[in-house]
Amino acid sequence: MQAKNARHSLLMMLLFNCTALAQGSPPPGYTDNVDEQMAKMQVQVRYGGFLEKLSVSDSRRTQIASLITGVFVQRNAASRDISAGRATAVTMEEMTSTKYLRQRLIGVLNSEEISEFDEFELNYQQVQLRNNFNSQLSLTAPDLSEANREVVLTILMKHMGAGQTKVSSSGGGAVDESQRQLQALMNARREIIPQLSQEQMQETEKFLSRIQSGLMTSQSMNETTN
């Protein structure tokens, strides 16, 4: 489950006291100020459902919420540091990853509660990813029928949705993330083709080609970095 969550963290994606957060304590300089109030609102929007669902005492719920708020406070600070040139996008990507928050929650959640967190994250990512795909589909393939739109989204989520952790290349073995997604896209395209008319498939190709272009750009950037 952890690997599943880590996969989708590359769309978002330090600079603070890990030990303090892991213990549920606020980092140095953490005060009840505007930054904290903003973070509290962000936590309520993003994790309010998870916190409400937990079967814990009010004091534990407050402790958990405080830890998550501390992470959001520092995410916001990191974002400002990036704008000011004091931090890199890599730093932000690490901090905004689900894995980063999960590692800190391990200090205050038991194994059952961590499993609930994993499930919450996976479901959230599924919804977000589908919404993003649907938005892109509306922009790039406006003439696709509603029924066929649902076909495309369902198949695409099947192959590229949260939880799809590995795809093997023709040579076998797990490939890197950008290649994995490209392979998943190819698999989705093959499944979509026989279910649409030629005209509707041509419309869908506008959408699929846009995704492919983005993935290839990402792969190229990764290769340059490495």
C-alpha atoms as a PDB file:
ATOM      1  CA  MET A   1       0.000   0.000   0.000  1.00  0.00           C
ATOM      2  CA  GLN A   2       2.886   2.359   0.821  1.00  0.00           C
ATOM      3  CA  ALA A   3       4.328   1.849  -2.656  1.00  0.00           C
ATOM      4  CA  LYS A   4       0.937   2.608  -4.179  1.00  0.00           C
ATOM      5  CA  ASN A   5       0.725   5.933  -2.379  1.00  0.00           C
ATOM      6  CA  ALA A   6       4.343   6.846  -3.141  1.00  0.00           C
ATOM      7  CA  ARG A   7       3.685   6.463  -6.867  1.00  0.00           C
ATOM      8  CA  HIS A   8       1.189   9.316  -7.033  1.00  0.00           C
ATOM      9  CA  SER A   9       3.244  11.612  -4.940  1.00  0.00           C
ATOM     10  CA  LEU A  10       5.366  12.620  -7.934  1.00  0.00           C
ATOM     11  CA  LEU A  11       2.562  15.035  -9.074  1.00  0.00           C
ATOM     12  CA  MET A  12       3.030  17.057  -5.883  1.00  0.00           C
ATOM     13  CA  MET A  13       5.479  16.775  -4.274  1.00  0.00           C
ATOM     14  CA  LEU A  14      12.405  18.720   4.653  1.00  0.00           C
ATOM     15  CA  LEU A  15      13.568  21.697   5.887  1.00  0.00           C
ATOM     16  CA  PHE A  16      12.128  20.736   9.274  1.00  0.00           C
ATOM     17  CA  ASN A  17      12.660  18.678  12.397  1.00  0.00           C
ATOM     18  CA  CYS A  18      11.711  15.117  11.518  1.00  0.00           C
ATOM     19  CA  THR A  19      12.213  13.850  15.031  1.00  0.00           C
ATOM     20  CA  ALA A  20       9.861  16.416  16.508  1.00  0.00           C
ATOM     21  CA  LEU A  21       7.158  15.650  13.975  1.00  0.00           C
ATOM     22  CA  ALA A  22       7.520  11.897  14.414  1.00  0.00           C
ATOM     23  CA  GLN A  23       6.882  12.377  18.108  1.00  0.00           C
ATOM     24  CA  GLY A  24       3.836  14.520  17.454  1.00  0.00           C
ATOM     25  CA  SER A  25       5.597  17.681  18.708  1.00  0.00           C
ATOM     26  CA  PRO A  26       5.668  20.970  16.814  1.00  0.00           C
ATOM     27  CA  PRO A  27       8.932  21.959  15.123  1.00  0.00           C
ATOM     28  CA  PRO A  28      11.085  24.840  16.422  1.00  0.00           C
ATOM     29  CA  GLY A  29       9.539  28.232  15.794  1.00  0.00           C
ATOM     30  CA  TYR A  30       6.034  26.786  15.437  1.00  0.00           C
ATOM     31  CA  THR A  31       3.574  29.341  16.829  1.00  0.00           C
ATOM     32  CA  ASP A  32      -0.155  29.876  16.858  1.00  0.00           C
ATOM     33  CA  ASN A  33      -0.192  32.334  13.959  1.00  0.00           C
ATOM     34  CA  VAL A  34      -1.597  32.946  10.518  1.00  0.00           C
ATOM     35  CA  ASP A  35       0.479  30.135   9.032  1.00  0.00           C
ATOM     36  CA  GLU A  36      -0.943  27.677  11.528  1.00  0.00           C
ATOM     37  CA  GLN A  37      -4.513  28.827  10.970  1.00  0.00           C
ATOM     38  CA  MET A  38      -4.091  28.454   7.219  1.00  0.00           C
ATOM     39  CA  ALA A  39      -2.600  24.997   7.689  1.00  0.00           C
ATOM     40  CA  LYS A  40      -5.480  23.975   9.944  1.00  0.00           C
ATOM     41  CA  MET A  41      -7.954  24.906   7.225  1.00  0.00           C
ATOM     42  CA  GLN A  42      -5.956  22.966   4.641  1.00  0.00           C
ATOM     43  CA  VAL A  43      -5.862  19.918   6.911  1.00  0.00           C
ATOM     44  CA  GLN A  44      -9.606  20.082   7.471  1.00  0.00           C
ATOM     45  CA  VAL A  45     -10.243  20.132   3.727  1.00  0.00           C
ATOM     46  CA  ARG A  46      -7.699  17.426   2.897  1.00  0.00           C
ATOM     47  CA  TYR A  47      -7.856  15.118   5.913  1.00  0.00           C
ATOM     48  CA  GLY A  48     -11.015  16.091   7.751  1.00  0.00           C
ATOM     49  CA  GLY A  49     -12.759  12.940   6.531  1.00  0.00           C
ATOM     50  CA  PHE A  50      -9.906  10.736   7.725  1.00  0.00           C
ATOM     51  CA  LEU A  51      -9.742  12.367  11.157  1.00  0.00           C
ATOM     52  CA  GLU A  52     -13.493  12.113  11.674  1.00  0.00           C
ATOM     53  CA  LYS A  53     -13.533   8.459  10.689  1.00  0.00           C
ATOM     54  CA  LEU A  54     -10.845   7.434  13.191  1.00  0.00           C
ATOM     55  CA  SER A  55     -12.178   5.647  16.275  1.00  0.00           C
ATOM     56  CA  VAL A  56      -9.984   7.482  18.761  1.00  0.00           C
ATOM     57  CA  SER A  57     -10.408   9.741  21.780  1.00  0.00           C
ATOM     58  CA  ASP A  58     -10.707  13.485  21.277  1.00  0.00           C
ATOM     59  CA  SER A  59      -7.251  14.009  22.746  1.00  0.00           C
ATOM     60  CA  ARG A  60      -5.663  11.554  20.301  1.00  0.00           C
ATOM     61  CA  ARG A  61      -7.586  13.049  17.397  1.00  0.00           C
ATOM     62  CA  THR A  62      -6.229  16.464  18.381  1.00  0.00           C
ATOM     63  CA  GLN A  63      -2.699  15.051  18.600  1.00  0.00           C
ATOM     64  CA  ILE A  64      -2.961  13.493  15.141  1.00  0.00           C
ATOM     65  CA  ALA A  65      -4.474  16.642  13.652  1.00  0.00           C
ATOM     66  CA  SER A  66      -1.699  18.716  15.246  1.00  0.00           C
ATOM     67  CA  LEU A  67       0.990  16.559  13.681  1.00  0.00           C
ATOM     68  CA  ILE A  68      -0.579  16.804  10.228  1.00  0.00           C
ATOM     69  CA  THR A  69      -0.996  20.561  10.693  1.00  0.00           C
ATOM     70  CA  GLY A  70       2.708  20.838  11.523  1.00  0.00           C
ATOM     71  CA  VAL A  71       3.562  19.149   8.237  1.00  0.00           C
ATOM     72  CA  PHE A  72       1.295  21.524   6.313  1.00  0.00           C
ATOM     73  CA  VAL A  73       2.818  24.551   8.069  1.00  0.00           C
ATOM     74  CA  GLN A  74       6.228  23.514   6.887  1.00  0.00           C
ATOM     75  CA  ARG A  75       5.004  22.636   3.388  1.00  0.00           C
ATOM     76  CA  ASN A  76       3.724  26.189   3.099  1.00  0.00           C
ATOM     77  CA  ALA A  77       7.040  27.539   4.414  1.00  0.00           C
ATOM     78  CA  ALA A  78       8.951  25.391   1.904  1.00  0.00           C
ATOM     79  CA  SER A  79       6.760  26.745  -0.887  1.00  0.00           C
ATOM     80  CA  ARG A  80       7.730  30.297   0.090  1.00  0.00           C
ATOM     81  CA  ASP A  81      11.384  29.266   0.285  1.00  0.00           C
ATOM     82  CA  ILE A  82      11.210  27.916  -3.269  1.00  0.00           C
ATOM     83  CA  SER A  83       9.765  31.210  -4.497  1.00  0.00           C
ATOM     84  CA  ALA A  84      12.596  33.028  -2.724  1.00  0.00           C
ATOM     85  CA  GLY A  85      15.231  30.686  -4.143  1.00  0.00           C
ATOM     86  CA  ARG A  86      16.103  29.184  -0.765  1.00  0.00           C
ATOM     87  CA  ALA A  87      14.852  25.671  -1.575  1.00  0.00           C
ATOM     88  CA  THR A  88      14.439  23.396  -4.590  1.00  0.00           C
ATOM     89  CA  ALA A  89      11.411  21.745  -6.181  1.00  0.00           C
ATOM     90  CA  VAL A  90      12.897  18.398  -5.153  1.00  0.00           C
ATOM     91  CA  THR A  91      12.599  19.503  -1.547  1.00  0.00           C
ATOM     92  CA  MET A  92       8.942  20.369  -2.046  1.00  0.00           C
ATOM     93  CA  GLU A  93       8.240  17.112  -3.841  1.00  0.00           C
ATOM     94  CA  GLU A  94       9.617  15.144  -0.921  1.00  0.00           C
ATOM     95  CA  MET A  95       7.661  17.120   1.644  1.00  0.00           C
ATOM     96  CA  THR A  96       4.350  16.930  -0.191  1.00  0.00           C
ATOM     97  CA  SER A  97       4.591  13.189  -0.750  1.00  0.00           C
ATOM     98  CA  THR A  98       2.233  10.846   1.047  1.00  0.00           C
ATOM     99  CA  LYS A  99       5.237   8.806   2.136  1.00  0.00           C
ATOM    100  CA  TYR A 100       6.670  11.791   4.012  1.00  0.00           C
ATOM    101  CA  LEU A 101       3.484  12.354   6.006  1.00  0.00           C
ATOM    102  CA  ARG A 102       2.932   8.637   6.519  1.00  0.00           C
ATOM    103  CA  GLN A 103       6.357   8.182   8.079  1.00  0.00           C
ATOM    104  CA  ARG A 104       5.521  10.808  10.658  1.00  0.00           C
ATOM    105  CA  LEU A 105       2.074   9.414  11.371  1.00  0.00           C
ATOM    106  CA  ILE A 106       3.643   6.055  12.204  1.00  0.00           C
ATOM    107  CA  GLY A 107       4.778   7.687  15.441  1.00  0.00           C
ATOM    108  CA  VAL A 108       1.205   8.354  16.592  1.00  0.00           C
ATOM    109  CA  LEU A 109      -0.943   5.767  14.767  1.00  0.00           C
ATOM    110  CA  ASN A 110      -1.161   2.027  15.352  1.00  0.00           C
ATOM    111  CA  SER A 111      -1.017  -0.465  12.477  1.00  0.00           C
ATOM    112  CA  GLU A 112      -4.804  -0.531  12.014  1.00  0.00           C
ATOM    113  CA  GLU A 113      -4.992   3.263  11.895  1.00  0.00           C
ATOM    114  CA  ILE A 114      -2.103   3.415   9.418  1.00  0.00           C
ATOM    115  CA  SER A 115      -4.044   0.992   7.215  1.00  0.00           C
ATOM    116  CA  GLU A 116      -7.033   3.338   7.412  1.00  0.00           C
ATOM    117  CA  PHE A 117      -4.778   6.210   6.372  1.00  0.00           C
ATOM    118  CA  ASP A 118      -3.470   4.193   3.408  1.00  0.00           C
ATOM    119  CA  GLU A 119      -6.986   3.372   2.277  1.00  0.00           C
ATOM    120  CA  PHE A 120      -8.094   6.990   2.641  1.00  0.00           C
ATOM    121  CA  GLU A 121      -5.120   8.190   0.590  1.00  0.00           C
ATOM    122  CA  LEU A 122      -5.652   5.620  -2.137  1.00  0.00           C
ATOM    123  CA  ASN A 123      -9.339   6.506  -2.493  1.00  0.00           C
ATOM    124  CA  TYR A 124      -8.550  10.225  -2.501  1.00  0.00           C
ATOM    125  CA  GLN A 125      -5.899   9.811  -5.178  1.00  0.00           C
ATOM    126  CA  GLN A 126      -8.260   7.739  -7.305  1.00  0.00           C
ATOM    127  CA  VAL A 127     -10.895  10.473  -7.201  1.00  0.00           C
ATOM    128  CA  GLN A 128      -8.365  13.235  -7.912  1.00  0.00           C
ATOM    129  CA  LEU A 129      -6.759  11.364 -10.785  1.00  0.00           C
ATOM    130  CA  ARG A 130     -10.101  10.543 -12.385  1.00  0.00           C
ATOM    131  CA  ASN A 131     -11.202  14.179 -12.064  1.00  0.00           C
ATOM    132  CA  ASN A 132      -7.965  15.320 -13.701  1.00  0.00           C
ATOM    133  CA  PHE A 133      -8.372  12.854 -16.549  1.00  0.00           C
ATOM    134  CA  ASN A 134     -11.997  13.905 -17.006  1.00  0.00           C
ATOM    135  CA  SER A 135     -11.040  17.578 -17.126  1.00  0.00           C
ATOM    136  CA  GLN A 136      -8.334  16.940 -19.740  1.00  0.00           C
ATOM    137  CA  LEU A 137     -10.705  14.770 -21.722  1.00  0.00           C
ATOM    138  CA  SER A 138     -13.283  17.551 -21.848  1.00  0.00           C
ATOM    139  CA  LEU A 139     -10.689  20.001 -23.125  1.00  0.00           C
ATOM    140  CA  THR A 140      -8.933  17.817 -25.684  1.00  0.00           C
ATOM    141  CA  ALA A 141     -11.771  15.582 -26.909  1.00  0.00           C
ATOM    142  CA  PRO A 142     -14.974  17.651 -26.611  1.00  0.00           C
ATOM    143  CA  ASP A 143     -16.793  15.653 -29.308  1.00  0.00           C
ATOM    144  CA  LEU A 144     -16.486  12.363 -27.444  1.00  0.00           C
ATOM    145  CA  SER A 145     -19.921  11.074 -26.434  1.00  0.00           C
ATOM    146  CA  GLU A 146     -20.800  10.826 -22.752  1.00  0.00           C
ATOM    147  CA  ALA A 147     -21.026   7.044 -22.925  1.00  0.00           C
ATOM    148  CA  ASN A 148     -17.644   6.745 -24.614  1.00  0.00           C
ATOM    149  CA  ARG A 149     -16.142   9.228 -22.190  1.00  0.00           C
ATOM    150  CA  GLU A 150     -17.068   6.843 -19.389  1.00  0.00           C
ATOM    151  CA  VAL A 151     -15.544   3.918 -21.301  1.00  0.00           C
ATOM    152  CA  VAL A 152     -12.263   5.782 -21.761  1.00  0.00           C
ATOM    153  CA  LEU A 153     -12.094   6.944 -18.140  1.00  0.00           C
ATOM    154  CA  THR A 154     -12.880   3.493 -16.753  1.00  0.00           C
ATOM    155  CA  ILE A 155     -10.217   1.776 -18.848  1.00  0.00           C
ATOM    156  CA  LEU A 156      -7.638   4.488 -18.197  1.00  0.00           C
ATOM    157  CA  MET A 157      -8.170   4.255 -14.427  1.00  0.00           C
ATOM    158  CA  LYS A 158      -7.904   0.479 -14.637  1.00  0.00           C
ATOM    159  CA  HIS A 159      -4.424   0.753 -16.113  1.00  0.00           C
ATOM    160  CA  MET A 160      -3.115   4.040 -14.716  1.00  0.00           C
ATOM    161  CA  GLY A 161      -5.103   4.569 -11.526  1.00  0.00           C
ATOM    162  CA  ALA A 162      -3.761   4.535  -7.982  1.00  0.00           C
ATOM    163  CA  GLY A 163      -2.607   1.089  -6.960  1.00  0.00           C
ATOM    164  CA  GLN A 164      -1.049   0.162 -10.301  1.00  0.00           C
ATOM    165  CA  THR A 165       2.491  -0.186  -8.969  1.00  0.00           C
ATOM    166  CA  LYS A 166       4.291  -2.188 -11.643  1.00  0.00           C
ATOM    167  CA  VAL A 167       4.151  -2.888 -15.327  1.00  0.00           C
ATOM    168  CA  SER A 168       6.690  -5.145 -16.983  1.00  0.00           C
ATOM    169  CA  SER A 169       8.359  -4.258 -20.248  1.00  0.00           C
ATOM    170  CA  SER A 170       8.541  -6.741 -23.078  1.00  0.00           C
ATOM    171  CA  GLY A 171      11.980  -7.711 -21.801  1.00  0.00           C
ATOM    172  CA  GLY A 172      10.567  -8.427 -18.368  1.00  0.00           C
ATOM    173  CA  GLY A 173      11.191  -6.785 -15.024  1.00  0.00           C
ATOM    174  CA  ALA A 174       9.885  -3.603 -13.450  1.00  0.00           C
ATOM    175  CA  VAL A 175      10.684  -0.463 -15.406  1.00  0.00           C
ATOM    176  CA  ASP A 176      11.096   3.056 -14.046  1.00  0.00           C
ATOM    177  CA  GLU A 177       8.040   5.154 -13.296  1.00  0.00           C
ATOM    178  CA  SER A 178       7.807   7.173 -16.501  1.00  0.00           C
ATOM    179  CA  GLN A 179       8.285   4.064 -18.633  1.00  0.00           C
ATOM    180  CA  ARG A 180       5.777   2.212 -16.464  1.00  0.00           C
ATOM    181  CA  GLN A 181       3.163   4.867 -17.103  1.00  0.00           C
ATOM    182  CA  LEU A 182       3.884   4.914 -20.825  1.00  0.00           C
ATOM    183  CA  GLN A 183       3.429   1.145 -20.937  1.00  0.00           C
ATOM    184  CA  ALA A 184       0.207   1.444 -18.945  1.00  0.00           C
ATOM    185  CA  LEU A 185      -1.044   4.066 -21.411  1.00  0.00           C
ATOM    186  CA  MET A 186      -0.288   1.764 -24.338  1.00  0.00           C
ATOM    187  CA  ASN A 187      -2.178  -1.053 -22.639  1.00  0.00           C
ATOM    188  CA  ALA A 188      -5.149   1.219 -22.040  1.00  0.00           C
ATOM    189  CA  ARG A 189      -5.123   2.386 -25.678  1.00  0.00           C
ATOM    190  CA  ARG A 190      -5.181  -1.210 -26.922  1.00  0.00           C
ATOM    191  CA  GLU A 191      -8.207  -1.958 -24.767  1.00  0.00           C
ATOM    192  CA  ILE A 192     -10.042   1.211 -25.787  1.00  0.00           C
ATOM    193  CA  ILE A 193      -9.619   0.845 -29.574  1.00  0.00           C
ATOM    194  CA  PRO A 194     -12.058  -2.067 -30.181  1.00  0.00           C
ATOM    195  CA  GLN A 195     -14.745  -0.414 -28.060  1.00  0.00           C
ATOM    196  CA  LEU A 196     -15.018   2.847 -30.006  1.00  0.00           C
ATOM    197  CA  SER A 197     -15.898   3.744 -33.558  1.00  0.00           C
ATOM    198  CA  GLN A 198     -13.076   5.025 -35.756  1.00  0.00           C
ATOM    199  CA  GLU A 199     -14.369   8.571 -35.474  1.00  0.00           C
ATOM    200  CA  GLN A 200     -14.675   8.437 -31.710  1.00  0.00           C
ATOM    201  CA  MET A 201     -11.235   6.837 -31.400  1.00  0.00           C
ATOM    202  CA  GLN A 202      -9.722   9.664 -33.423  1.00  0.00           C
ATOM    203  CA  GLU A 203     -11.244  12.088 -30.934  1.00  0.00           C
ATOM    204  CA  THR A 204      -9.899  10.035 -28.023  1.00  0.00           C
ATOM    205  CA  GLU A 205      -6.418   9.972 -29.550  1.00  0.00           C
ATOM    206  CA  LYS A 206      -6.180  13.734 -29.040  1.00  0.00           C
ATOM    207  CA  PHE A 207      -6.483  13.098 -25.309  1.00  0.00           C
ATOM    208  CA  LEU A 208      -4.225  10.047 -25.194  1.00  0.00           C
ATOM    209  CA  SER A 209      -1.545  11.758 -27.263  1.00  0.00           C
ATOM    210  CA  ARG A 210      -1.500  14.661 -24.842  1.00  0.00           C
ATOM    211  CA  ILE A 211      -0.921  12.313 -21.914  1.00  0.00           C
ATOM    212  CA  GLN A 212       1.782  10.479 -23.860  1.00  0.00           C
ATOM    213  CA  SER A 213       3.536  13.727 -24.702  1.00  0.00           C
ATOM    214  CA  GLY A 214       3.562  14.745 -21.058  1.00  0.00           C
ATOM    215  CA  LEU A 215       4.950  11.385 -19.951  1.00  0.00           C
ATOM    216  CA  MET A 216       7.683  11.450 -22.585  1.00  0.00           C
ATOM    217  CA  THR A 217       8.682  14.959 -21.520  1.00  0.00           C
ATOM    218  CA  SER A 218       8.843  13.785 -17.917  1.00  0.00           C
ATOM    219  CA  GLN A 219      10.953  10.788 -18.900  1.00  0.00           C
ATOM    220  CA  SER A 220      13.347  12.997 -20.845  1.00  0.00           C
ATOM    221  CA  MET A 221      13.738  15.342 -17.877  1.00  0.00           C
ATOM    222  CA  ASN A 222      14.417  12.417 -15.542  1.00  0.00           C
ATOM    223  CA  GLU A 223      17.066  11.012 -17.884  1.00  0.00           C
ATOM    224  CA  THR A 224      18.737  14.412 -18.063  1.00  0.00           C
ATOM    225  CA  THR A 225      18.717  14.710 -14.274  1.00  0.00           C
ATOM    226  CA  ASN A 226      20.155  11.232 -13.820  1.00  0.00           C
END
